[in-house]
PDB file of N, CA and C in Angstrom:
ATOM      1  N   MET A   1      32.360 -41.249  74.265  1.00  0.00           N
ATOM      2  CA  MET A   1      31.718 -41.928  73.136  1.00  0.00           C
ATOM      3  C   MET A   1      30.320 -42.386  73.558  1.00  0.00           C
ATOM      4  N   ALA A   2      29.378 -42.225  72.690  1.00  0.00           N
ATOM      5  CA  ALA A   2      27.990 -42.580  72.998  1.00  0.00           C
ATOM      6  C   ALA A   2      27.804 -44.096  73.006  1.00  0.00           C
ATOM      7  N   SER A   3      26.952 -44.545  73.913  1.00  0.00           N
ATOM      8  CA  SER A   3      26.643 -45.976  73.964  1.00  0.00           C
ATOM      9  C   SER A   3      25.731 -46.351  72.804  1.00  0.00           C
ATOM     10  N   ASP A   4      25.626 -47.646  72.543  1.00  0.00           N
ATOM     11  CA  ASP A   4      24.742 -48.119  71.474  1.00  0.00           C
ATOM     12  C   ASP A   4      23.307 -47.674  71.719  1.00  0.00           C
ATOM     13  N   GLU A   5      22.898 -47.677  73.005  1.00  0.00           N
ATOM     14  CA  GLU A   5      21.537 -47.261  73.337  1.00  0.00           C
ATOM     15  C   GLU A   5      21.329 -45.783  73.023  1.00  0.00           C
ATOM     16  N   GLU A   6      22.329 -44.951  73.343  1.00  0.00           N
ATOM     17  CA  GLU A   6      22.228 -43.520  73.057  1.00  0.00           C
ATOM     18  C   GLU A   6      22.160 -43.268  71.554  1.00  0.00           C
ATOM     19  N   VAL A   7      22.984 -43.976  70.807  1.00  0.00           N
ATOM     20  CA  VAL A   7      22.984 -43.836  69.351  1.00  0.00           C
ATOM     21  C   VAL A   7      21.626 -44.240  68.782  1.00  0.00           C
ATOM     22  N   ALA A   8      21.085 -45.350  69.251  1.00  0.00           N
ATOM     23  CA  ALA A   8      19.783 -45.815  68.774  1.00  0.00           C
ATOM     24  C   ALA A   8      18.695 -44.803  69.108  1.00  0.00           C
ATOM     25  N   ALA A   9      18.744 -44.229  70.308  1.00  0.00           N
ATOM     26  CA  ALA A   9      17.745 -43.239  70.710  1.00  0.00           C
ATOM     27  C   ALA A   9      17.843 -41.992  69.840  1.00  0.00           C
ATOM     28  N   LEU A  10      19.058 -41.554  69.554  1.00  0.00           N
ATOM     29  CA  LEU A  10      19.235 -40.372  68.710  1.00  0.00           C
ATOM     30  C   LEU A  10      18.767 -40.633  67.288  1.00  0.00           C
ATOM     31  N   LYS A  11      19.069 -41.807  66.758  1.00  0.00           N
ATOM     32  CA  LYS A  11      18.621 -42.150  65.405  1.00  0.00           C
ATOM     33  C   LYS A  11      17.098 -42.195  65.340  1.00  0.00           C
ATOM     34  N   ALA A  12      16.463 -42.713  66.398  1.00  0.00           N
ATOM     35  CA  ALA A  12      14.999 -42.752  66.445  1.00  0.00           C
ATOM     36  C   ALA A  12      14.439 -41.335  66.478  1.00  0.00           C
ATOM     37  N   ARG A  13      15.074 -40.446  67.250  1.00  0.00           N
ATOM     38  CA  ARG A  13      14.617 -39.051  67.335  1.00  0.00           C
ATOM     39  C   ARG A  13      14.780 -38.356  65.983  1.00  0.00           C
ATOM     40  N   ILE A  14      15.884 -38.616  65.303  1.00  0.00           N
ATOM     41  CA  ILE A  14      16.102 -38.046  63.973  1.00  0.00           C
ATOM     42  C   ILE A  14      14.996 -38.493  63.031  1.00  0.00           C
ATOM     43  N   ALA A  15      14.651 -39.773  63.071  1.00  0.00           N
ATOM     44  CA  ALA A  15      13.586 -40.295  62.212  1.00  0.00           C
ATOM     45  C   ALA A  15      12.261 -39.605  62.525  1.00  0.00           C
ATOM     46  N   GLU A  16      11.984 -39.372  63.816  1.00  0.00           N
ATOM     47  CA  GLU A  16      10.754 -38.675  64.206  1.00  0.00           C
ATOM     48  C   GLU A  16      10.742 -37.252  63.654  1.00  0.00           C
ATOM     49  N   LEU A  17      11.866 -36.565  63.776  1.00  0.00           N
ATOM     50  CA  LEU A  17      11.943 -35.186  63.294  1.00  0.00           C
ATOM     51  C   LEU A  17      11.827 -35.122  61.776  1.00  0.00           C
ATOM     52  N   GLU A  18      12.446 -36.072  61.078  1.00  0.00           N
ATOM     53  CA  GLU A  18      12.337 -36.107  59.617  1.00  0.00           C
ATOM     54  C   GLU A  18      10.893 -36.336  59.194  1.00  0.00           C
ATOM     55  N   ALA A  19      10.183 -37.199  59.921  1.00  0.00           N
ATOM     56  CA  ALA A  19       8.771 -37.439  59.618  1.00  0.00           C
ATOM     57  C   ALA A  19       7.959 -36.169  59.855  1.00  0.00           C
ATOM     58  N   GLU A  20       8.292 -35.439  60.919  1.00  0.00           N
ATOM     59  CA  GLU A  20       7.592 -34.182  61.210  1.00  0.00           C
ATOM     60  C   GLU A  20       7.842 -33.157  60.106  1.00  0.00           C
ATOM     61  N   VAL A  21       9.068 -33.083  59.631  1.00  0.00           N
ATOM     62  CA  VAL A  21       9.399 -32.172  58.532  1.00  0.00           C
ATOM     63  C   VAL A  21       8.568 -32.514  57.300  1.00  0.00           C
ATOM     64  N   GLU A  22       8.471 -33.796  56.983  1.00  0.00           N
ATOM     65  CA  GLU A  22       7.676 -34.213  55.820  1.00  0.00           C
ATOM     66  C   GLU A  22       6.214 -33.827  55.991  1.00  0.00           C
ATOM     67  N   GLN A  23       5.678 -33.977  57.200  1.00  0.00           N
ATOM     68  CA  GLN A  23       4.291 -33.590  57.460  1.00  0.00           C
ATOM     69  C   GLN A  23       4.108 -32.089  57.261  1.00  0.00           C
ATOM     70  N   LEU A  24       5.063 -31.305  57.746  1.00  0.00           N
ATOM     71  CA  LEU A  24       4.972 -29.851  57.601  1.00  0.00           C
ATOM     72  C   LEU A  24       5.061 -29.447  56.132  1.00  0.00           C
ATOM     73  N   ARG A  25       5.946 -30.093  55.398  1.00  0.00           N
ATOM     74  CA  ARG A  25       6.056 -29.802  53.968  1.00  0.00           C
ATOM     75  C   ARG A  25       4.749 -30.140  53.261  1.00  0.00           C
ATOM     76  N   ALA A  26       4.160 -31.270  53.616  1.00  0.00           N
ATOM     77  CA  ALA A  26       2.904 -31.694  53.003  1.00  0.00           C
ATOM     78  C   ALA A  26       1.789 -30.705  53.329  1.00  0.00           C
ATOM     79  N   ALA A  27       1.874 -30.069  54.482  1.00  0.00           N
ATOM     80  CA  ALA A  27       0.863 -29.097  54.900  1.00  0.00           C
ATOM     81  C   ALA A  27       1.130 -27.718  54.310  1.00  0.00           C
ATOM     82  N   GLY A  28       2.183 -27.600  53.529  1.00  0.00           N
ATOM     83  CA  GLY A  28       2.487 -26.334  52.877  1.00  0.00           C
ATOM     84  C   GLY A  28       3.362 -25.406  53.695  1.00  0.00           C
ATOM     85  N   GLN A  29       3.872 -25.901  54.792  1.00  0.00           N
ATOM     86  CA  GLN A  29       4.776 -25.090  55.608  1.00  0.00           C
ATOM     87  C   GLN A  29       6.167 -25.140  54.973  1.00  0.00           C
ATOM     88  N   GLN A  30       6.886 -24.039  55.066  1.00  0.00           N
ATOM     89  CA  GLN A  30       8.240 -24.008  54.519  1.00  0.00           C
ATOM     90  C   GLN A  30       9.170 -23.297  55.487  1.00  0.00           C
ATOM     91  N   ALA A  31      10.448 -23.651  55.401  1.00  0.00           N
ATOM     92  CA  ALA A  31      11.451 -22.956  56.190  1.00  0.00           C
ATOM     93  C   ALA A  31      11.588 -21.533  55.649  1.00  0.00           C
ATOM     94  N   PRO A  32      12.090 -20.622  56.458  1.00  0.00           N
ATOM     95  CA  PRO A  32      12.298 -19.254  55.958  1.00  0.00           C
ATOM     96  C   PRO A  32      13.147 -19.257  54.689  1.00  0.00           C
ATOM     97  N   ALA A  33      12.885 -18.300  53.815  1.00  0.00           N
ATOM     98  CA  ALA A  33      13.563 -18.250  52.521  1.00  0.00           C
ATOM     99  C   ALA A  33      15.079 -18.135  52.674  1.00  0.00           C
ATOM    100  N   ASP A  34      15.539 -17.568  53.786  1.00  0.00           N
ATOM    101  CA  ASP A  34      16.980 -17.382  53.952  1.00  0.00           C
ATOM    102  C   ASP A  34      17.659 -18.589  54.604  1.00  0.00           C
ATOM    103  N   ALA A  35      16.917 -19.661  54.842  1.00  0.00           N
ATOM    104  CA  ALA A  35      17.515 -20.866  55.418  1.00  0.00           C
ATOM    105  C   ALA A  35      17.920 -21.816  54.298  1.00  0.00           C
ATOM    106  N   SER A  36      19.018 -22.516  54.523  1.00  0.00           N
ATOM    107  CA  SER A  36      19.458 -23.490  53.531  1.00  0.00           C
ATOM    108  C   SER A  36      19.856 -24.770  54.247  1.00  0.00           C
ATOM    109  N   HIS A  37      19.759 -25.879  53.543  1.00  0.00           N
ATOM    110  CA  HIS A  37      20.119 -27.173  54.113  1.00  0.00           C
ATOM    111  C   HIS A  37      21.202 -27.790  53.249  1.00  0.00           C
ATOM    112  N   ASP A  38      22.333 -28.077  53.875  1.00  0.00           N
ATOM    113  CA  ASP A  38      23.460 -28.665  53.157  1.00  0.00           C
ATOM    114  C   ASP A  38      23.341 -30.182  53.216  1.00  0.00           C
ATOM    115  N   GLU A  39      22.807 -30.769  52.155  1.00  0.00           N
ATOM    116  CA  GLU A  39      22.584 -32.215  52.125  1.00  0.00           C
ATOM    117  C   GLU A  39      23.891 -32.997  52.226  1.00  0.00           C
ATOM    118  N   GLU A  40      24.955 -32.462  51.655  1.00  0.00           N
ATOM    119  CA  GLU A  40      26.229 -33.174  51.646  1.00  0.00           C
ATOM    120  C   GLU A  40      26.726 -33.455  53.062  1.00  0.00           C
ATOM    121  N   ARG A  41      26.715 -32.419  53.896  1.00  0.00           N
ATOM    122  CA  ARG A  41      27.251 -32.561  55.241  1.00  0.00           C
ATOM    123  C   ARG A  41      26.168 -32.850  56.269  1.00  0.00           C
ATOM    124  N   GLY A  42      24.902 -32.774  55.853  1.00  0.00           N
ATOM    125  CA  GLY A  42      23.818 -33.020  56.779  1.00  0.00           C
ATOM    126  C   GLY A  42      23.673 -31.929  57.813  1.00  0.00           C
ATOM    127  N   GLU A  43      24.111 -30.711  57.461  1.00  0.00           N
ATOM    128  CA  GLU A  43      24.024 -29.603  58.397  1.00  0.00           C
ATOM    129  C   GLU A  43      22.936 -28.638  57.958  1.00  0.00           C
ATOM    130  N   PHE A  44      22.264 -28.057  58.944  1.00  0.00           N
ATOM    131  CA  PHE A  44      21.269 -27.034  58.650  1.00  0.00           C
ATOM    132  C   PHE A  44      21.928 -25.691  58.901  1.00  0.00           C
ATOM    133  N   ASN A  45      21.921 -24.842  57.885  1.00  0.00           N
ATOM    134  CA  ASN A  45      22.582 -23.547  57.981  1.00  0.00           C
ATOM    135  C   ASN A  45      21.573 -22.423  57.831  1.00  0.00           C
ATOM    136  N   PRO A  46      21.116 -21.855  58.960  1.00  0.00           N
ATOM    137  CA  PRO A  46      20.193 -20.726  58.839  1.00  0.00           C
ATOM    138  C   PRO A  46      20.853 -19.587  58.065  1.00  0.00           C
ATOM    139  N   GLY A  47      20.073 -18.897  57.261  1.00  0.00           N
ATOM    140  CA  GLY A  47      20.582 -17.809  56.440  1.00  0.00           C
ATOM    141  C   GLY A  47      21.161 -16.721  57.276  1.00  0.00           C
TER     142      GLY A  47
END
């Protein structure tokens, strides 16, 4: 089981990556057309 510190570090990294995704979207970058994101389960499923 992950420690509280590990969980906090992972959550911080997730927030950083989400911010990076938003920046890329704002810059007009997009994931490949065959990629899909399952919001329900929070999983990324490449096409």
